[in-house]
C-alpha atoms as a PDB file:
ATOM      1  CA  MET A   1     -32.468  33.441-133.530  1.00  0.00           C
ATOM      2  CA  LYS A   2     -28.838  33.648-132.510  1.00  0.00           C
ATOM      3  CA  ILE A   3     -27.473  31.977-129.389  1.00  0.00           C
ATOM      4  CA  LYS A   4     -24.186  33.250-128.000  1.00  0.00           C
ATOM      5  CA  PHE A   5     -21.967  31.296-125.630  1.00  0.00           C
ATOM      6  CA  ASN A   6     -19.419  33.155-123.525  1.00  0.00           C
ATOM      7  CA  ILE A   7     -16.693  30.560-123.987  1.00  0.00           C
ATOM      8  CA  GLY A   8     -13.997  32.888-122.659  1.00  0.00           C
ATOM      9  CA  ASN A   9     -15.575  33.211-119.192  1.00  0.00           C
ATOM     10  CA  LYS A  10     -16.136  29.463-118.939  1.00  0.00           C
ATOM     11  CA  VAL A  11     -12.522  28.764-119.790  1.00  0.00           C
ATOM     12  CA  LYS A  12     -11.362  31.288-117.189  1.00  0.00           C
ATOM     13  CA  ILE A  13     -13.551  29.696-114.517  1.00  0.00           C
ATOM     14  CA  GLY A  14     -12.261  26.247-115.421  1.00  0.00           C
ATOM     15  CA  ILE A  15      -8.636  27.344-115.202  1.00  0.00           C
ATOM     16  CA  ALA A  16      -9.312  29.026-111.839  1.00  0.00           C
ATOM     17  CA  LEU A  17     -10.864  25.849-110.438  1.00  0.00           C
ATOM     18  CA  VAL A  18      -7.928  23.748-111.615  1.00  0.00           C
ATOM     19  CA  LEU A  19      -5.448  26.167-110.032  1.00  0.00           C
ATOM     20  CA  LEU A  20      -7.417  26.150-106.777  1.00  0.00           C
ATOM     21  CA  PHE A  21      -7.349  22.350-106.732  1.00  0.00           C
ATOM     22  CA  PHE A  22      -3.572  22.297-107.162  1.00  0.00           C
ATOM     23  CA  VAL A  23      -3.079  24.938-104.459  1.00  0.00           C
ATOM     24  CA  ILE A  24      -5.154  22.920-101.974  1.00  0.00           C
ATOM     25  CA  ALA A  25      -3.391  19.685-102.880  1.00  0.00           C
ATOM     26  CA  PHE A  26       0.013  21.340-102.566  1.00  0.00           C
ATOM     27  CA  SER A  27      -0.903  22.870 -99.202  1.00  0.00           C
ATOM     28  CA  GLU A  28      -2.067  19.515 -97.833  1.00  0.00           C
ATOM     29  CA  ARG A  29       1.112  17.861 -99.034  1.00  0.00           C
ATOM     30  CA  GLN A  30       3.239  20.595 -97.529  1.00  0.00           C
ATOM     31  CA  TYR A  31       1.368  20.364 -94.210  1.00  0.00           C
ATOM     32  CA  GLY A  32       1.876  16.638 -94.186  1.00  0.00           C
ATOM     33  CA  ASP A  33       5.618  17.104 -94.608  1.00  0.00           C
ATOM     34  CA  VAL A  34       5.954  19.697 -91.840  1.00  0.00           C
ATOM     35  CA  THR A  35       8.204  18.702 -88.973  1.00  0.00           C
ATOM     36  CA  VAL A  36       7.980  20.218 -85.526  1.00  0.00           C
ATOM     37  CA  LYS A  37      10.665  22.851 -85.141  1.00  0.00           C
ATOM     38  CA  ASP A  38       9.867  23.607 -81.494  1.00  0.00           C
ATOM     39  CA  VAL A  39       7.013  23.352 -78.969  1.00  0.00           C
ATOM     40  CA  VAL A  40       5.507  26.619 -77.740  1.00  0.00           C
ATOM     41  CA  ILE A  41       3.165  26.480 -74.735  1.00  0.00           C
ATOM     42  CA  LYS A  42       0.809  29.380 -74.154  1.00  0.00           C
ATOM     43  CA  ILE A  43      -1.310  29.536 -70.998  1.00  0.00           C
ATOM     44  CA  GLU A  44      -4.167  32.033 -70.924  1.00  0.00           C
ATOM     45  CA  ASN A  45      -5.190  33.619 -67.574  1.00  0.00           C
ATOM     46  CA  ILE A  46      -1.832  32.758 -66.019  1.00  0.00           C
ATOM     47  CA  ARG A  47      -1.687  36.237 -64.485  1.00  0.00           C
ATOM     48  CA  GLU A  48      -4.913  35.601 -62.588  1.00  0.00           C
ATOM     49  CA  ASN A  49      -4.146  32.136 -61.286  1.00  0.00           C
ATOM     50  CA  HIS A  50      -1.147  29.867 -61.185  1.00  0.00           C
ATOM     51  CA  PHE A  51      -2.722  26.440 -60.742  1.00  0.00           C
ATOM     52  CA  ILE A  52      -1.124  25.118 -63.934  1.00  0.00           C
ATOM     53  CA  ASP A  53       2.344  25.768 -65.362  1.00  0.00           C
ATOM     54  CA  GLU A  54       4.111  24.693 -68.552  1.00  0.00           C
ATOM     55  CA  GLN A  55       5.505  21.518 -66.992  1.00  0.00           C
ATOM     56  CA  ASP A  56       1.976  20.425 -66.044  1.00  0.00           C
ATOM     57  CA  ILE A  57       0.869  20.903 -69.646  1.00  0.00           C
ATOM     58  CA  VAL A  58       3.791  18.787 -70.855  1.00  0.00           C
ATOM     59  CA  GLN A  59       2.816  15.967 -68.487  1.00  0.00           C
ATOM     60  CA  LEU A  60      -0.808  16.116 -69.593  1.00  0.00           C
ATOM     61  CA  MET A  61       0.229  15.747 -73.242  1.00  0.00           C
ATOM     62  CA  GLN A  62       1.614  12.265 -72.406  1.00  0.00           C
ATOM     63  CA  LEU A  63       4.233  12.444 -75.140  1.00  0.00           C
ATOM     64  CA  ASP A  64       7.981  12.097 -75.317  1.00  0.00           C
ATOM     65  CA  TYR A  65       8.497  15.830 -75.173  1.00  0.00           C
ATOM     66  CA  ALA A  66      12.200  15.648 -76.033  1.00  0.00           C
ATOM     67  CA  ASN A  67      11.465  13.743 -79.255  1.00  0.00           C
ATOM     68  CA  LEU A  68       8.672  16.045 -80.406  1.00  0.00           C
ATOM     69  CA  LYS A  69      11.171  18.320 -82.118  1.00  0.00           C
ATOM     70  CA  GLY A  70      11.667  16.980 -85.612  1.00  0.00           C
ATOM     71  CA  ALA A  71       8.571  14.783 -85.484  1.00  0.00           C
ATOM     72  CA  ASN A  72       6.223  14.723 -88.472  1.00  0.00           C
ATOM     73  CA  LEU A  73       3.262  16.923 -87.591  1.00  0.00           C
ATOM     74  CA  ASN A  74       0.925  14.860 -89.727  1.00  0.00           C
ATOM     75  CA  ARG A  75       1.579  11.797 -87.569  1.00  0.00           C
ATOM     76  CA  LEU A  76       0.490  13.539 -84.379  1.00  0.00           C
ATOM     77  CA  SER A  77      -3.144  13.236 -83.339  1.00  0.00           C
ATOM     78  CA  LEU A  78      -3.649  16.834 -82.262  1.00  0.00           C
ATOM     79  CA  LYS A  79      -7.276  16.266 -81.246  1.00  0.00           C
ATOM     80  CA  GLU A  80      -6.299  13.373 -78.994  1.00  0.00           C
ATOM     81  CA  ILE A  81      -3.587  15.461 -77.327  1.00  0.00           C
ATOM     82  CA  GLU A  82      -6.085  18.302 -76.798  1.00  0.00           C
ATOM     83  CA  ASN A  83      -8.464  15.880 -75.084  1.00  0.00           C
ATOM     84  CA  ARG A  84      -5.694  14.664 -72.789  1.00  0.00           C
ATOM     85  CA  ILE A  85      -4.916  18.215 -71.727  1.00  0.00           C
ATOM     86  CA  LYS A  86      -8.588  18.981 -71.072  1.00  0.00           C
ATOM     87  CA  THR A  87      -8.877  16.123 -68.579  1.00  0.00           C
ATOM     88  CA  ASP A  88      -7.429  18.494 -65.978  1.00  0.00           C
ATOM     89  CA  ARG A  89     -10.295  20.457 -64.414  1.00  0.00           C
ATOM     90  CA  PHE A  90      -8.250  23.621 -64.132  1.00  0.00           C
ATOM     91  CA  ILE A  91      -8.173  23.743 -67.943  1.00  0.00           C
ATOM     92  CA  LYS A  92     -11.202  25.167 -69.711  1.00  0.00           C
ATOM     93  CA  SER A  93     -10.037  24.586 -73.288  1.00  0.00           C
ATOM     94  CA  ALA A  94      -6.988  23.436 -75.254  1.00  0.00           C
ATOM     95  CA  GLN A  95      -5.943  23.986 -78.837  1.00  0.00           C
ATOM     96  CA  LEU A  96      -2.958  22.639 -80.793  1.00  0.00           C
ATOM     97  CA  TYR A  97      -1.812  24.020 -84.127  1.00  0.00           C
ATOM     98  CA  SER A  98       1.286  24.719 -86.209  1.00  0.00           C
ATOM     99  CA  ASP A  99       2.408  28.302 -86.754  1.00  0.00           C
ATOM    100  CA  VAL A 100       4.191  29.699 -89.811  1.00  0.00           C
ATOM    101  CA  LYS A 101       7.595  28.979 -88.263  1.00  0.00           C
ATOM    102  CA  GLY A 102       6.856  25.271 -87.933  1.00  0.00           C
ATOM    103  CA  ASN A 103       6.357  25.393 -84.160  1.00  0.00           C
ATOM    104  CA  LEU A 104       3.753  23.209 -82.501  1.00  0.00           C
ATOM    105  CA  VAL A 105       1.716  25.691 -80.451  1.00  0.00           C
ATOM    106  CA  VAL A 106      -0.109  24.353 -77.398  1.00  0.00           C
ATOM    107  CA  LYS A 107      -2.640  26.901 -76.164  1.00  0.00           C
ATOM    108  CA  ALA A 108      -4.460  26.191 -72.904  1.00  0.00           C
ATOM    109  CA  THR A 109      -7.073  28.437 -71.284  1.00  0.00           C
ATOM    110  CA  LEU A 110      -7.538  28.101 -67.530  1.00  0.00           C
ATOM    111  CA  ARG A 111     -10.766  28.278 -65.586  1.00  0.00           C
ATOM    112  CA  ARG A 112     -11.071  31.162 -63.151  1.00  0.00           C
ATOM    113  CA  PRO A 113     -12.358  30.221 -59.690  1.00  0.00           C
ATOM    114  CA  VAL A 114     -15.247  32.262 -58.262  1.00  0.00           C
ATOM    115  CA  ALA A 115     -15.528  30.544 -54.866  1.00  0.00           C
ATOM    116  CA  ARG A 116     -13.846  28.028 -52.588  1.00  0.00           C
ATOM    117  CA  ILE A 117     -15.832  25.313 -50.838  1.00  0.00           C
ATOM    118  CA  VAL A 118     -14.491  24.639 -47.332  1.00  0.00           C
ATOM    119  CA  ARG A 119     -15.559  21.667 -45.237  1.00  0.00           C
ATOM    120  CA  ALA A 120     -14.393  19.745 -42.207  1.00  0.00           C
ATOM    121  CA  ASP A 121     -15.289  16.262 -43.472  1.00  0.00           C
ATOM    122  CA  GLY A 122     -13.310  16.290 -46.716  1.00  0.00           C
ATOM    123  CA  PRO A 123     -10.955  18.223 -48.966  1.00  0.00           C
ATOM    124  CA  ASP A 124     -11.791  21.732 -50.104  1.00  0.00           C
ATOM    125  CA  ALA A 125     -12.610  22.541 -53.716  1.00  0.00           C
ATOM    126  CA  TYR A 126     -13.002  25.522 -56.009  1.00  0.00           C
ATOM    127  CA  ILE A 127     -16.017  26.441 -58.101  1.00  0.00           C
ATOM    128  CA  GLY A 128     -14.987  27.610 -61.567  1.00  0.00           C
ATOM    129  CA  GLU A 129     -16.595  30.466 -63.470  1.00  0.00           C
ATOM    130  CA  ASP A 130     -18.609  27.922 -65.486  1.00  0.00           C
ATOM    131  CA  GLY A 131     -19.703  25.981 -62.384  1.00  0.00           C
ATOM    132  CA  THR A 132     -17.074  23.230 -62.656  1.00  0.00           C
ATOM    133  CA  ILE A 133     -15.943  21.724 -59.345  1.00  0.00           C
ATOM    134  CA  MET A 134     -12.136  21.930 -59.272  1.00  0.00           C
ATOM    135  CA  PRO A 135      -9.653  20.566 -56.731  1.00  0.00           C
ATOM    136  CA  VAL A 136      -7.470  22.829 -54.631  1.00  0.00           C
ATOM    137  CA  SER A 137      -3.801  23.180 -55.485  1.00  0.00           C
ATOM    138  CA  GLU A 138      -0.600  23.209 -53.482  1.00  0.00           C
ATOM    139  CA  LYS A 139       0.863  25.668 -55.976  1.00  0.00           C
ATOM    140  CA  TYR A 140      -1.580  28.520 -55.621  1.00  0.00           C
ATOM    141  CA  THR A 141      -4.420  29.771 -53.423  1.00  0.00           C
ATOM    142  CA  SER A 142      -7.014  32.011 -55.020  1.00  0.00           C
ATOM    143  CA  ARG A 143      -8.569  34.788 -52.943  1.00  0.00           C
ATOM    144  CA  VAL A 144     -12.262  34.207 -53.547  1.00  0.00           C
ATOM    145  CA  VAL A 145     -15.410  34.077 -51.433  1.00  0.00           C
ATOM    146  CA  LEU A 146     -15.677  31.000 -49.191  1.00  0.00           C
ATOM    147  CA  ILE A 147     -18.666  28.652 -49.127  1.00  0.00           C
ATOM    148  CA  SER A 148     -19.331  26.453 -46.095  1.00  0.00           C
ATOM    149  CA  GLY A 149     -22.143  24.629 -44.298  1.00  0.00           C
ATOM    150  CA  SER A 150     -23.795  21.240 -44.376  1.00  0.00           C
ATOM    151  CA  TYR A 151     -25.416  21.932 -47.746  1.00  0.00           C
ATOM    152  CA  VAL A 152     -22.139  22.021 -49.696  1.00  0.00           C
ATOM    153  CA  ARG A 153     -21.631  18.251 -49.574  1.00  0.00           C
ATOM    154  CA  GLN A 154     -24.345  18.012 -52.232  1.00  0.00           C
ATOM    155  CA  PHE A 155     -22.141  19.861 -54.706  1.00  0.00           C
ATOM    156  CA  PHE A 156     -19.628  17.004 -54.638  1.00  0.00           C
ATOM    157  CA  LEU A 157     -22.264  14.644 -56.054  1.00  0.00           C
ATOM    158  CA  VAL A 158     -21.980  16.441 -59.412  1.00  0.00           C
ATOM    159  CA  ASP A 159     -19.016  17.667 -61.435  1.00  0.00           C
ATOM    160  CA  ASN A 160     -20.657  21.033 -62.051  1.00  0.00           C
ATOM    161  CA  ILE A 161     -22.946  22.890 -59.638  1.00  0.00           C
ATOM    162  CA  LEU A 162     -25.134  24.033 -62.529  1.00  0.00           C
ATOM    163  CA  LYS A 163     -26.400  20.444 -62.576  1.00  0.00           C
ATOM    164  CA  HIS A 164     -27.722  20.962 -59.041  1.00  0.00           C
ATOM    165  CA  ASP A 165     -31.255  22.267 -58.470  1.00  0.00           C
ATOM    166  CA  ASP A 166     -30.053  25.487 -56.828  1.00  0.00           C
ATOM    167  CA  GLY A 167     -26.896  25.761 -58.910  1.00  0.00           C
ATOM    168  CA  HIS A 168     -27.978  28.504 -61.314  1.00  0.00           C
ATOM    169  CA  GLU A 169     -29.176  30.828 -58.546  1.00  0.00           C
ATOM    170  CA  LEU A 170     -26.026  30.295 -56.499  1.00  0.00           C
ATOM    171  CA  MET A 171     -23.779  30.861 -59.531  1.00  0.00           C
ATOM    172  CA  ALA A 172     -25.641  34.096 -60.288  1.00  0.00           C
ATOM    173  CA  MET A 173     -24.958  35.255 -56.720  1.00  0.00           C
ATOM    174  CA  LEU A 174     -21.271  34.289 -56.890  1.00  0.00           C
ATOM    175  CA  GLN A 175     -20.809  36.038 -60.229  1.00  0.00           C
ATOM    176  CA  THR A 176     -22.507  39.169 -58.883  1.00  0.00           C
ATOM    177  CA  ILE A 177     -20.179  39.230 -55.882  1.00  0.00           C
ATOM    178  CA  ARG A 178     -17.135  38.643 -58.087  1.00  0.00           C
ATOM    179  CA  ASN A 179     -18.021  41.345 -60.625  1.00  0.00           C
ATOM    180  CA  ASP A 180     -18.992  44.069 -58.148  1.00  0.00           C
ATOM    181  CA  ASP A 181     -16.212  45.932 -56.315  1.00  0.00           C
ATOM    182  CA  PHE A 182     -18.436  46.691 -53.327  1.00  0.00           C
ATOM    183  CA  TRP A 183     -19.642  43.143 -52.749  1.00  0.00           C
ATOM    184  CA  ARG A 184     -16.254  41.613 -53.484  1.00  0.00           C
ATOM    185  CA  ALA A 185     -14.768  43.763 -50.719  1.00  0.00           C
ATOM    186  CA  GLN A 186     -17.638  43.160 -48.311  1.00  0.00           C
ATOM    187  CA  VAL A 187     -18.593  39.466 -48.573  1.00  0.00           C
ATOM    188  CA  ALA A 188     -16.123  37.048 -46.991  1.00  0.00           C
ATOM    189  CA  GLN A 189     -18.136  33.838 -46.743  1.00  0.00           C
ATOM    190  CA  LEU A 190     -21.475  32.217 -47.550  1.00  0.00           C
ATOM    191  CA  ASP A 191     -22.598  29.613 -45.030  1.00  0.00           C
ATOM    192  CA  ILE A 192     -25.408  27.418 -46.367  1.00  0.00           C
ATOM    193  CA  ASP A 193     -27.501  25.359 -43.947  1.00  0.00           C
ATOM    194  CA  SER A 194     -29.171  22.003 -44.666  1.00  0.00           C
ATOM    195  CA  LYS A 195     -32.266  23.737 -46.102  1.00  0.00           C
ATOM    196  CA  GLY A 196     -30.282  25.792 -48.569  1.00  0.00           C
ATOM    197  CA  ARG A 197     -30.586  29.078 -46.659  1.00  0.00           C
ATOM    198  CA  ILE A 198     -27.588  31.368 -47.063  1.00  0.00           C
ATOM    199  CA  PHE A 199     -25.964  33.303 -44.237  1.00  0.00           C
ATOM    200  CA  ILE A 200     -23.495  35.982 -45.318  1.00  0.00           C
ATOM    201  CA  ILE A 201     -20.425  36.516 -43.159  1.00  0.00           C
ATOM    202  CA  PRO A 202     -19.027  39.969 -43.995  1.00  0.00           C
ATOM    203  CA  GLN A 203     -15.449  41.169 -44.145  1.00  0.00           C
ATOM    204  CA  VAL A 204     -16.268  44.106 -41.840  1.00  0.00           C
ATOM    205  CA  GLY A 205     -18.535  43.934 -38.787  1.00  0.00           C
ATOM    206  CA  ASN A 206     -19.672  41.158 -36.476  1.00  0.00           C
ATOM    207  CA  GLN A 207     -23.171  40.698 -37.832  1.00  0.00           C
ATOM    208  CA  THR A 208     -24.547  37.635 -39.581  1.00  0.00           C
ATOM    209  CA  ILE A 209     -26.759  38.413 -42.568  1.00  0.00           C
ATOM    210  CA  GLU A 210     -29.684  36.047 -43.104  1.00  0.00           C
ATOM    211  CA  PHE A 211     -29.980  36.156 -46.887  1.00  0.00           C
ATOM    212  CA  GLY A 212     -32.300  33.186 -47.292  1.00  0.00           C
ATOM    213  CA  ARG A 213     -32.225  31.178 -50.487  1.00  0.00           C
ATOM    214  CA  ALA A 214     -30.371  32.589 -53.472  1.00  0.00           C
ATOM    215  CA  ASP A 215     -33.530  33.963 -55.074  1.00  0.00           C
ATOM    216  CA  LYS A 216     -34.691  37.581 -55.548  1.00  0.00           C
ATOM    217  CA  LEU A 217     -30.996  38.379 -55.742  1.00  0.00           C
ATOM    218  CA  GLU A 218     -31.226  41.935 -57.057  1.00  0.00           C
ATOM    219  CA  THR A 219     -33.896  42.981 -54.542  1.00  0.00           C
ATOM    220  CA  LYS A 220     -32.092  41.540 -51.529  1.00  0.00           C
ATOM    221  CA  LEU A 221     -28.727  42.982 -52.443  1.00  0.00           C
ATOM    222  CA  ARG A 222     -30.268  46.387 -53.072  1.00  0.00           C
ATOM    223  CA  LYS A 223     -31.782  46.365 -49.566  1.00  0.00           C
ATOM    224  CA  LEU A 224     -28.500  45.241 -48.045  1.00  0.00           C
ATOM    225  CA  LYS A 225     -26.541  47.967 -49.828  1.00  0.00           C
ATOM    226  CA  ILE A 226     -28.950  50.601 -48.486  1.00  0.00           C
ATOM    227  CA  PHE A 227     -28.436  49.184 -44.991  1.00  0.00           C
ATOM    228  CA  TYR A 228     -24.645  49.316 -45.346  1.00  0.00           C
ATOM    229  CA  LYS A 229     -24.516  52.819 -46.815  1.00  0.00           C
ATOM    230  CA  GLU A 230     -27.259  54.599 -44.872  1.00  0.00           C
ATOM    231  CA  ILE A 231     -27.882  52.819 -41.566  1.00  0.00           C
ATOM    232  CA  LEU A 232     -24.631  51.266 -40.376  1.00  0.00           C
ATOM    233  CA  PRO A 233     -22.544  54.459 -40.764  1.00  0.00           C
ATOM    234  CA  GLN A 234     -24.960  56.193 -38.375  1.00  0.00           C
ATOM    235  CA  MET A 235     -25.581  53.371 -35.922  1.00  0.00           C
ATOM    236  CA  GLY A 236     -22.099  51.808 -35.955  1.00  0.00           C
ATOM    237  CA  TRP A 237     -20.763  48.706 -37.672  1.00  0.00           C
ATOM    238  CA  ASN A 238     -21.040  46.547 -34.547  1.00  0.00           C
ATOM    239  CA  LYS A 239     -24.476  47.782 -33.447  1.00  0.00           C
ATOM    240  CA  TYR A 240     -26.353  44.776 -34.860  1.00  0.00           C
ATOM    241  CA  LYS A 241     -25.589  41.068 -34.599  1.00  0.00           C
ATOM    242  CA  ARG A 242     -28.327  39.803 -36.902  1.00  0.00           C
ATOM    243  CA  ILE A 243     -29.672  41.207 -40.166  1.00  0.00           C
ATOM    244  CA  SER A 244     -32.448  39.457 -42.074  1.00  0.00           C
ATOM    245  CA  LEU A 245     -33.329  40.053 -45.730  1.00  0.00           C
ATOM    246  CA  GLU A 246     -35.849  37.228 -46.039  1.00  0.00           C
ATOM    247  CA  PHE A 247     -38.946  39.384 -45.586  1.00  0.00           C
ATOM    248  CA  ASP A 248     -40.279  41.290 -48.588  1.00  0.00           C
ATOM    249  CA  GLY A 249     -40.054  45.054 -48.421  1.00  0.00           C
ATOM    250  CA  GLN A 250     -38.151  45.294 -45.141  1.00  0.00           C
ATOM    251  CA  ILE A 251     -34.886  44.693 -43.350  1.00  0.00           C
ATOM    252  CA  VAL A 252     -34.942  43.191 -39.851  1.00  0.00           C
ATOM    253  CA  ALA A 253     -31.943  44.157 -37.692  1.00  0.00           C
ATOM    254  CA  GLU A 254     -31.309  43.111 -34.079  1.00  0.00           C
END
């Protein structure tokens, strides 16, 4: 019995592994010797909101920005700087990396607001697309649906409304309004009473819409759209002062 060993293939594999090791080692050494040529700040979603600008990012980094140029990239704790930037609630994510030109790239993605909480007993706040409670800004005001009423004070007990019992249903309603051209143009404000019942204040017309709790969302909105498109054009936009969607299978209008 003859046993053959393919020595040639084994040698080739060994040489390839050795070369790969040297390439990795060389790359790590090169990366460690990289100095920062310049700092490039990229802000995603800046066209949709202007809560944060480049100067704000620089302040959040908490570094001597002027001395960053020429600094050894390997001595910078990029993860720590990312965490500093993310402490601002307007910022959804942050990423730092070096590009092929030797620039330190700071990429920050902003949260988009879907609603603004208004109240008489404290400062207003925004609700971000992921439910995060964000402060208002003197730099920019976002045109989003307003939320008012005694119930909203509960949202300030958490940093994200999804942690609240009714948070998921309310976020689903806000996202539906935001993503639908018809509802975005029609709904101006949601007033929520102490029992969590929602009253819609429309952009057009003097009526108050008793929506109830933020459940059965699709069914209620379908009934309301029928009312807007088939009944109000015939009867007049100011014919009714009160519209209720709380009863199954019917719309009550007075």
